[in-house]
Amino acid sequence: MAVEPGITEKQPVACWAVRGFRVFFPISSIQETGGNRIVERERPYREGAKLADTGAKARKWRVRVLFENSIQDGEPGLNNGGLLLYPDVLKLMLQSFSVHEAGDLTIPAEGKVRARAESWDRSEDPGDARDAALVTFTFVEDNEDAV
């Protein structure tokens, strides 16, 4: 796995808290998607469509995280009770996805949002000299559970 430039510099820290888990992790990048739910109703002999807006789509956050232990050396917010980012904190994050409930996702520039853990994509290169994993987590905004 190619190591990203500047990984030992201070990284923004996020937190995922769901029943039984509270995990802090460094963020390499965040991608947020959202939009409106538009229903199109086409009518005979008329150009275009009548549009109805049925509200906002659920926001989704794709959070890219490099789990590599030198990152936590310069970031006190990544303590996690003294656990190593790789493999300990990574294992906790993956285990938290088995909790099928909404939790609190706290990310920079957004703050705390209610969300559910949707999916993850993990990449490791056994030929890399360091133990590390690059993981992308996807969280979906939840509007049903009480805060």
N, C-alpha and C. Protein backbone atom coordinates (compact mmCIF):
# COMPACT_ATOMS: atom_id res chain seq x y z
N MET A 1 0.85 -1.17 0.00
CA MET A 1 0.00 0.00 0.00
C MET A 1 0.90 1.23 0.00
N ALA A 2 0.62 2.13 -0.88
CA ALA A 2 1.38 3.38 -0.91
C ALA A 2 0.97 4.24 0.27
N VAL A 3 1.95 4.77 0.96
CA VAL A 3 1.68 5.61 2.12
C VAL A 3 1.41 7.03 1.64
N GLU A 4 0.36 7.62 2.17
CA GLU A 4 0.00 8.97 1.78
C GLU A 4 1.02 9.96 2.33
N PRO A 5 1.36 10.99 1.54
CA PRO A 5 2.30 11.99 2.04
C PRO A 5 1.70 12.72 3.22
N GLY A 6 2.55 13.00 4.20
CA GLY A 6 2.13 13.79 5.34
C GLY A 6 1.31 13.05 6.37
N ILE A 7 1.38 11.72 6.40
CA ILE A 7 0.53 11.01 7.35
C ILE A 7 0.96 11.23 8.79
N THR A 8 2.21 11.61 9.01
CA THR A 8 2.64 11.82 10.38
C THR A 8 2.29 13.22 10.87
N GLU A 9 1.79 14.08 9.99
CA GLU A 9 1.33 15.38 10.42
C GLU A 9 0.02 15.21 11.17
N LYS A 10 -0.36 16.25 11.90
CA LYS A 10 -1.60 16.19 12.68
C LYS A 10 -2.80 15.95 11.76
N GLN A 11 -3.61 14.97 12.11
CA GLN A 11 -4.78 14.59 11.32
C GLN A 11 -6.04 15.03 12.05
N PRO A 12 -7.09 15.45 11.33
CA PRO A 12 -8.36 15.70 11.99
C PRO A 12 -8.88 14.40 12.61
N VAL A 13 -9.54 14.52 13.75
CA VAL A 13 -10.01 13.34 14.46
C VAL A 13 -11.53 13.29 14.41
N ALA A 14 -12.06 12.09 14.20
CA ALA A 14 -13.50 11.85 14.21
C ALA A 14 -13.81 10.85 15.32
N CYS A 15 -15.10 10.74 15.64
CA CYS A 15 -15.52 9.79 16.66
C CYS A 15 -16.79 9.08 16.19
N TRP A 16 -16.85 7.78 16.41
CA TRP A 16 -18.05 6.99 16.13
C TRP A 16 -18.46 6.34 17.44
N ALA A 17 -19.67 6.64 17.89
CA ALA A 17 -20.19 6.09 19.14
C ALA A 17 -21.53 5.42 18.86
N VAL A 18 -21.59 4.13 19.12
CA VAL A 18 -22.82 3.35 18.98
C VAL A 18 -22.80 2.35 20.13
N ARG A 19 -23.95 1.82 20.49
CA ARG A 19 -24.07 0.97 21.67
C ARG A 19 -22.85 0.06 21.88
N GLY A 20 -22.14 0.30 22.99
CA GLY A 20 -21.00 -0.54 23.34
C GLY A 20 -19.67 -0.11 22.73
N PHE A 21 -19.69 0.87 21.85
CA PHE A 21 -18.46 1.30 21.18
C PHE A 21 -18.34 2.83 21.21
N ARG A 22 -17.14 3.31 21.43
CA ARG A 22 -16.80 4.73 21.27
C ARG A 22 -15.37 4.75 20.76
N VAL A 23 -15.22 5.07 19.47
CA VAL A 23 -13.93 4.93 18.82
C VAL A 23 -13.52 6.27 18.20
N PHE A 24 -12.29 6.69 18.46
CA PHE A 24 -11.71 7.89 17.85
C PHE A 24 -10.75 7.44 16.75
N PHE A 25 -10.77 8.13 15.61
CA PHE A 25 -9.91 7.74 14.50
C PHE A 25 -9.53 8.96 13.67
N PRO A 26 -8.35 8.90 13.01
CA PRO A 26 -7.89 10.03 12.19
C PRO A 26 -8.56 10.00 10.82
N ILE A 27 -8.85 11.17 10.28
CA ILE A 27 -9.51 11.25 8.98
C ILE A 27 -8.50 11.69 7.92
N SER A 28 -8.42 10.91 6.84
CA SER A 28 -7.62 11.32 5.69
C SER A 28 -8.44 12.19 4.76
N SER A 29 -9.72 11.82 4.56
CA SER A 29 -10.62 12.62 3.73
C SER A 29 -12.06 12.26 4.03
N ILE A 30 -12.96 13.20 3.71
CA ILE A 30 -14.39 12.99 3.88
C ILE A 30 -15.08 13.40 2.59
N GLN A 31 -16.01 12.57 2.16
CA GLN A 31 -16.85 12.91 1.01
C GLN A 31 -18.29 12.84 1.49
N GLU A 32 -19.04 13.92 1.28
CA GLU A 32 -20.45 13.96 1.69
C GLU A 32 -21.32 14.07 0.46
N THR A 33 -22.42 13.29 0.45
CA THR A 33 -23.38 13.39 -0.64
C THR A 33 -24.76 13.63 -0.05
N GLY A 34 -25.59 14.26 -0.83
CA GLY A 34 -26.96 14.55 -0.42
C GLY A 34 -27.73 15.02 -1.64
N GLY A 35 -28.88 15.57 -1.43
CA GLY A 35 -29.67 16.09 -2.54
C GLY A 35 -31.14 16.11 -2.19
N ASN A 36 -31.98 16.25 -3.20
CA ASN A 36 -33.42 16.26 -3.03
C ASN A 36 -34.04 15.06 -3.73
N ARG A 37 -35.16 14.61 -3.19
CA ARG A 37 -35.92 13.53 -3.83
C ARG A 37 -36.93 14.20 -4.76
N ILE A 38 -36.65 14.13 -6.03
CA ILE A 38 -37.52 14.75 -7.03
C ILE A 38 -38.30 13.65 -7.75
N VAL A 39 -39.62 13.79 -7.78
CA VAL A 39 -40.48 12.85 -8.49
C VAL A 39 -40.93 13.52 -9.78
N GLU A 40 -40.66 12.86 -10.90
CA GLU A 40 -41.05 13.40 -12.21
C GLU A 40 -42.36 12.76 -12.67
N ARG A 41 -43.28 13.59 -13.11
CA ARG A 41 -44.55 13.09 -13.65
C ARG A 41 -44.68 13.62 -15.08
N GLU A 42 -44.43 12.76 -16.02
CA GLU A 42 -44.56 13.16 -17.42
C GLU A 42 -46.02 13.12 -17.83
N ARG A 43 -46.41 14.08 -18.65
CA ARG A 43 -47.80 14.17 -19.11
C ARG A 43 -47.83 14.05 -20.62
N PRO A 44 -48.86 13.42 -21.12
CA PRO A 44 -48.97 13.27 -22.58
C PRO A 44 -49.05 14.63 -23.28
N TYR A 45 -48.39 14.71 -24.40
CA TYR A 45 -48.42 15.89 -25.29
C TYR A 45 -47.84 17.16 -24.66
N ARG A 46 -47.04 17.00 -23.62
CA ARG A 46 -46.39 18.16 -23.00
C ARG A 46 -44.91 17.87 -22.88
N GLU A 47 -44.10 18.88 -23.14
CA GLU A 47 -42.65 18.75 -22.98
C GLU A 47 -42.30 18.75 -21.49
N GLY A 48 -41.21 18.09 -21.16
CA GLY A 48 -40.74 18.11 -19.78
C GLY A 48 -41.60 17.26 -18.86
N ALA A 49 -41.60 17.63 -17.59
CA ALA A 49 -42.34 16.87 -16.59
C ALA A 49 -42.76 17.79 -15.45
N LYS A 50 -43.82 17.43 -14.78
CA LYS A 50 -44.22 18.12 -13.55
C LYS A 50 -43.34 17.53 -12.46
N LEU A 51 -42.72 18.39 -11.68
CA LEU A 51 -41.78 17.94 -10.66
C LEU A 51 -42.36 18.15 -9.27
N ALA A 52 -42.21 17.15 -8.44
CA ALA A 52 -42.60 17.26 -7.04
C ALA A 52 -41.37 16.96 -6.18
N ASP A 53 -41.12 17.83 -5.24
CA ASP A 53 -40.00 17.66 -4.32
C ASP A 53 -40.55 17.00 -3.06
N THR A 54 -40.11 15.78 -2.76
CA THR A 54 -40.63 15.04 -1.61
C THR A 54 -39.69 15.09 -0.41
N GLY A 55 -38.78 16.05 -0.42
CA GLY A 55 -37.88 16.22 0.72
C GLY A 55 -36.45 15.90 0.37
N ALA A 56 -35.61 15.97 1.36
CA ALA A 56 -34.18 15.75 1.16
C ALA A 56 -33.83 14.26 1.21
N LYS A 57 -32.85 13.88 0.40
CA LYS A 57 -32.28 12.54 0.50
C LYS A 57 -31.47 12.46 1.79
N ALA A 58 -31.27 11.25 2.25
CA ALA A 58 -30.39 11.06 3.41
C ALA A 58 -28.97 11.44 3.01
N ARG A 59 -28.31 12.19 3.88
CA ARG A 59 -26.91 12.50 3.62
C ARG A 59 -26.06 11.26 3.89
N LYS A 60 -25.00 11.12 3.11
CA LYS A 60 -24.06 10.02 3.31
C LYS A 60 -22.66 10.60 3.44
N TRP A 61 -21.88 10.00 4.33
CA TRP A 61 -20.50 10.40 4.49
C TRP A 61 -19.61 9.20 4.22
N ARG A 62 -18.67 9.38 3.29
CA ARG A 62 -17.63 8.38 3.04
C ARG A 62 -16.37 8.93 3.68
N VAL A 63 -15.94 8.25 4.74
CA VAL A 63 -14.81 8.71 5.54
C VAL A 63 -13.64 7.78 5.28
N ARG A 64 -12.57 8.35 4.76
CA ARG A 64 -11.37 7.56 4.44
C ARG A 64 -10.39 7.69 5.61
N VAL A 65 -9.92 6.53 6.11
CA VAL A 65 -9.08 6.48 7.30
C VAL A 65 -7.86 5.62 7.04
N LEU A 66 -6.70 6.15 7.39
CA LEU A 66 -5.48 5.35 7.34
C LEU A 66 -5.16 4.93 8.77
N PHE A 67 -5.24 3.63 9.03
CA PHE A 67 -4.89 3.09 10.33
C PHE A 67 -3.41 2.73 10.30
N GLU A 68 -2.61 3.60 10.87
CA GLU A 68 -1.15 3.41 10.88
C GLU A 68 -0.66 4.04 12.17
N ASN A 69 0.13 3.31 12.95
CA ASN A 69 0.41 3.69 14.33
C ASN A 69 1.22 4.96 14.51
N SER A 70 2.00 5.39 13.54
CA SER A 70 2.78 6.63 13.74
C SER A 70 1.88 7.86 13.78
N ILE A 71 0.66 7.75 13.27
CA ILE A 71 -0.27 8.88 13.26
C ILE A 71 -0.65 9.27 14.68
N GLN A 72 -0.93 8.27 15.53
CA GLN A 72 -1.42 8.59 16.86
C GLN A 72 -0.34 9.17 17.76
N ASP A 73 0.93 9.05 17.40
CA ASP A 73 2.00 9.60 18.23
C ASP A 73 1.86 11.11 18.40
N GLY A 74 1.41 11.81 17.36
CA GLY A 74 1.32 13.26 17.43
C GLY A 74 -0.08 13.78 17.69
N GLU A 75 -1.03 12.90 17.98
CA GLU A 75 -2.42 13.33 18.14
C GLU A 75 -3.01 12.76 19.43
N PRO A 76 -3.06 13.58 20.51
CA PRO A 76 -3.57 13.07 21.79
C PRO A 76 -5.04 12.65 21.73
N GLY A 77 -5.83 13.15 20.80
CA GLY A 77 -7.24 12.79 20.70
C GLY A 77 -7.46 11.37 20.23
N LEU A 78 -6.39 10.69 19.83
CA LEU A 78 -6.51 9.31 19.34
C LEU A 78 -6.14 8.27 20.38
N ASN A 79 -6.23 8.62 21.65
CA ASN A 79 -5.79 7.74 22.71
C ASN A 79 -6.51 6.39 22.70
N ASN A 80 -7.84 6.36 22.66
CA ASN A 80 -8.61 5.11 22.66
C ASN A 80 -8.15 4.14 23.75
N GLY A 81 -7.86 4.69 24.93
CA GLY A 81 -7.47 3.82 26.04
C GLY A 81 -6.14 3.15 25.84
N GLY A 82 -5.26 3.74 25.05
CA GLY A 82 -3.94 3.17 24.83
C GLY A 82 -3.88 2.11 23.74
N LEU A 83 -4.99 1.87 23.04
CA LEU A 83 -4.99 0.88 21.96
C LEU A 83 -4.25 1.42 20.74
N LEU A 84 -3.62 0.53 20.00
CA LEU A 84 -2.95 0.91 18.76
C LEU A 84 -3.98 1.10 17.65
N LEU A 85 -3.75 2.11 16.80
CA LEU A 85 -4.66 2.31 15.67
C LEU A 85 -4.74 1.05 14.83
N TYR A 86 -3.57 0.46 14.54
CA TYR A 86 -3.53 -0.78 13.77
C TYR A 86 -2.92 -1.86 14.64
N PRO A 87 -3.56 -2.94 14.92
CA PRO A 87 -4.84 -3.39 14.40
C PRO A 87 -6.02 -3.15 15.34
N ASP A 88 -5.74 -2.69 16.60
CA ASP A 88 -6.76 -2.69 17.65
C ASP A 88 -7.96 -1.78 17.36
N VAL A 89 -7.69 -0.50 17.04
CA VAL A 89 -8.78 0.44 16.80
C VAL A 89 -9.52 0.05 15.51
N LEU A 90 -8.78 -0.40 14.52
CA LEU A 90 -9.40 -0.88 13.28
C LEU A 90 -10.38 -2.01 13.58
N LYS A 91 -9.98 -2.96 14.40
CA LYS A 91 -10.87 -4.08 14.75
C LYS A 91 -12.13 -3.58 15.46
N LEU A 92 -11.96 -2.61 16.37
CA LEU A 92 -13.13 -2.05 17.06
C LEU A 92 -14.10 -1.40 16.08
N MET A 93 -13.55 -0.63 15.13
CA MET A 93 -14.43 0.02 14.14
C MET A 93 -15.19 -1.02 13.33
N LEU A 94 -14.51 -2.05 12.88
CA LEU A 94 -15.18 -3.08 12.10
C LEU A 94 -16.22 -3.83 12.93
N GLN A 95 -15.93 -4.09 14.20
CA GLN A 95 -16.90 -4.75 15.08
C GLN A 95 -18.12 -3.87 15.31
N SER A 96 -17.92 -2.55 15.36
CA SER A 96 -19.05 -1.64 15.62
C SER A 96 -20.09 -1.70 14.50
N PHE A 97 -19.69 -2.12 13.31
CA PHE A 97 -20.64 -2.21 12.20
C PHE A 97 -21.63 -3.36 12.39
N SER A 98 -21.39 -4.26 13.36
CA SER A 98 -22.34 -5.33 13.63
C SER A 98 -23.48 -4.86 14.54
N VAL A 99 -23.38 -3.64 15.06
CA VAL A 99 -24.47 -3.05 15.85
C VAL A 99 -25.42 -2.39 14.87
N HIS A 100 -26.62 -2.90 14.78
CA HIS A 100 -27.58 -2.42 13.79
C HIS A 100 -28.50 -1.37 14.40
N GLU A 101 -27.86 -0.28 14.84
CA GLU A 101 -28.57 0.84 15.46
C GLU A 101 -27.93 2.14 14.99
N ALA A 102 -28.65 3.23 15.20
CA ALA A 102 -28.07 4.54 14.93
C ALA A 102 -27.10 4.89 16.05
N GLY A 103 -26.10 5.65 15.69
CA GLY A 103 -25.12 6.12 16.66
C GLY A 103 -24.79 7.57 16.38
N ASP A 104 -23.79 8.07 17.07
CA ASP A 104 -23.35 9.45 16.89
C ASP A 104 -22.03 9.46 16.14
N LEU A 105 -22.04 10.09 14.98
CA LEU A 105 -20.82 10.29 14.20
C LEU A 105 -20.43 11.75 14.37
N THR A 106 -19.23 11.98 14.86
CA THR A 106 -18.73 13.34 15.05
C THR A 106 -17.56 13.53 14.10
N ILE A 107 -17.74 14.47 13.15
CA ILE A 107 -16.71 14.73 12.15
C ILE A 107 -16.44 16.23 12.08
N PRO A 108 -15.20 16.60 11.70
CA PRO A 108 -14.86 18.02 11.59
C PRO A 108 -15.80 18.73 10.62
N ALA A 109 -16.05 19.97 10.89
CA ALA A 109 -16.86 20.86 10.06
C ALA A 109 -18.34 20.53 10.09
N GLU A 110 -18.73 19.39 10.61
CA GLU A 110 -20.14 19.01 10.68
C GLU A 110 -20.61 18.91 12.13
N GLY A 111 -19.74 18.42 12.99
CA GLY A 111 -20.12 18.17 14.37
C GLY A 111 -20.76 16.81 14.50
N LYS A 112 -21.65 16.69 15.49
CA LYS A 112 -22.27 15.39 15.76
C LYS A 112 -23.55 15.23 14.95
N VAL A 113 -23.67 14.08 14.27
CA VAL A 113 -24.86 13.74 13.50
C VAL A 113 -25.30 12.32 13.87
N ARG A 114 -26.60 12.07 13.80
CA ARG A 114 -27.12 10.72 14.01
C ARG A 114 -26.95 9.98 12.69
N ALA A 115 -26.39 8.80 12.76
CA ALA A 115 -26.12 8.05 11.53
C ALA A 115 -26.11 6.56 11.83
N ARG A 116 -26.14 5.81 10.75
CA ARG A 116 -25.96 4.36 10.83
C ARG A 116 -24.75 3.98 10.00
N ALA A 117 -24.03 2.99 10.50
CA ALA A 117 -22.88 2.47 9.77
C ALA A 117 -23.41 1.61 8.62
N GLU A 118 -23.10 2.00 7.38
CA GLU A 118 -23.62 1.26 6.23
C GLU A 118 -22.64 0.23 5.69
N SER A 119 -21.41 0.66 5.40
CA SER A 119 -20.46 -0.27 4.77
C SER A 119 -19.03 0.19 5.02
N TRP A 120 -18.12 -0.71 4.73
CA TRP A 120 -16.70 -0.37 4.79
C TRP A 120 -15.96 -1.09 3.68
N ASP A 121 -14.84 -0.50 3.29
CA ASP A 121 -13.99 -1.06 2.23
C ASP A 121 -12.55 -0.97 2.74
N ARG A 122 -11.92 -2.12 2.92
CA ARG A 122 -10.58 -2.19 3.54
C ARG A 122 -9.55 -2.60 2.51
N SER A 123 -8.40 -1.93 2.55
CA SER A 123 -7.31 -2.26 1.65
C SER A 123 -6.01 -2.35 2.44
N GLU A 124 -5.33 -3.49 2.29
CA GLU A 124 -4.02 -3.69 2.93
C GLU A 124 -3.08 -4.31 1.92
N ASP A 125 -1.83 -3.94 2.02
CA ASP A 125 -0.80 -4.50 1.15
C ASP A 125 0.20 -5.25 2.01
N PRO A 126 0.17 -6.59 1.98
CA PRO A 126 1.08 -7.35 2.83
C PRO A 126 2.55 -7.10 2.52
N GLY A 127 2.86 -6.58 1.35
CA GLY A 127 4.24 -6.30 0.99
C GLY A 127 4.76 -5.00 1.57
N ASP A 128 3.88 -4.20 2.15
CA ASP A 128 4.27 -2.93 2.75
C ASP A 128 5.11 -3.20 3.98
N ALA A 129 6.14 -2.40 4.19
CA ALA A 129 7.03 -2.58 5.33
C ALA A 129 6.33 -2.30 6.65
N ARG A 130 5.29 -1.45 6.63
CA ARG A 130 4.59 -1.11 7.86
C ARG A 130 3.25 -1.83 7.92
N ASP A 131 2.80 -2.07 9.14
CA ASP A 131 1.45 -2.58 9.34
C ASP A 131 0.50 -1.41 9.23
N ALA A 132 -0.38 -1.46 8.25
CA ALA A 132 -1.33 -0.37 8.03
C ALA A 132 -2.49 -0.88 7.20
N ALA A 133 -3.60 -0.16 7.31
CA ALA A 133 -4.77 -0.46 6.49
C ALA A 133 -5.42 0.85 6.11
N LEU A 134 -5.87 0.93 4.87
CA LEU A 134 -6.62 2.07 4.39
C LEU A 134 -8.07 1.63 4.28
N VAL A 135 -8.96 2.29 5.01
CA VAL A 135 -10.36 1.87 5.08
C VAL A 135 -11.26 3.06 4.76
N THR A 136 -12.29 2.82 3.97
CA THR A 136 -13.32 3.82 3.72
C THR A 136 -14.60 3.33 4.37
N PHE A 137 -15.12 4.12 5.31
CA PHE A 137 -16.37 3.82 5.99
C PHE A 137 -17.48 4.67 5.40
N THR A 138 -18.66 4.10 5.24
CA THR A 138 -19.81 4.86 4.77
C THR A 138 -20.86 4.88 5.87
N PHE A 139 -21.29 6.10 6.21
CA PHE A 139 -22.33 6.32 7.21
C PHE A 139 -23.50 7.03 6.54
N VAL A 140 -24.72 6.69 6.96
CA VAL A 140 -25.94 7.28 6.38
C VAL A 140 -26.70 7.99 7.50
N GLU A 141 -27.14 9.21 7.21
CA GLU A 141 -27.93 10.00 8.16
C GLU A 141 -29.20 9.25 8.55
N ASP A 142 -29.50 9.26 9.86
CA ASP A 142 -30.70 8.59 10.35
C ASP A 142 -31.62 9.63 10.98
N ASN A 143 -32.90 9.63 10.59
CA ASN A 143 -33.83 10.61 11.14
C ASN A 143 -34.90 9.96 12.01
N GLU A 144 -34.76 8.69 12.33
CA GLU A 144 -35.80 7.99 13.09
C GLU A 144 -35.50 7.87 14.57
N ASP A 145 -34.27 7.53 14.91
CA ASP A 145 -33.94 7.34 16.32
C ASP A 145 -33.86 8.67 17.05
N ALA A 146 -34.34 8.71 18.27
CA ALA A 146 -34.27 9.93 19.07
C ALA A 146 -32.82 10.20 19.45
N VAL A 147 -32.47 11.45 19.51
CA VAL A 147 -31.11 11.85 19.88
C VAL A 147 -30.97 11.73 21.38
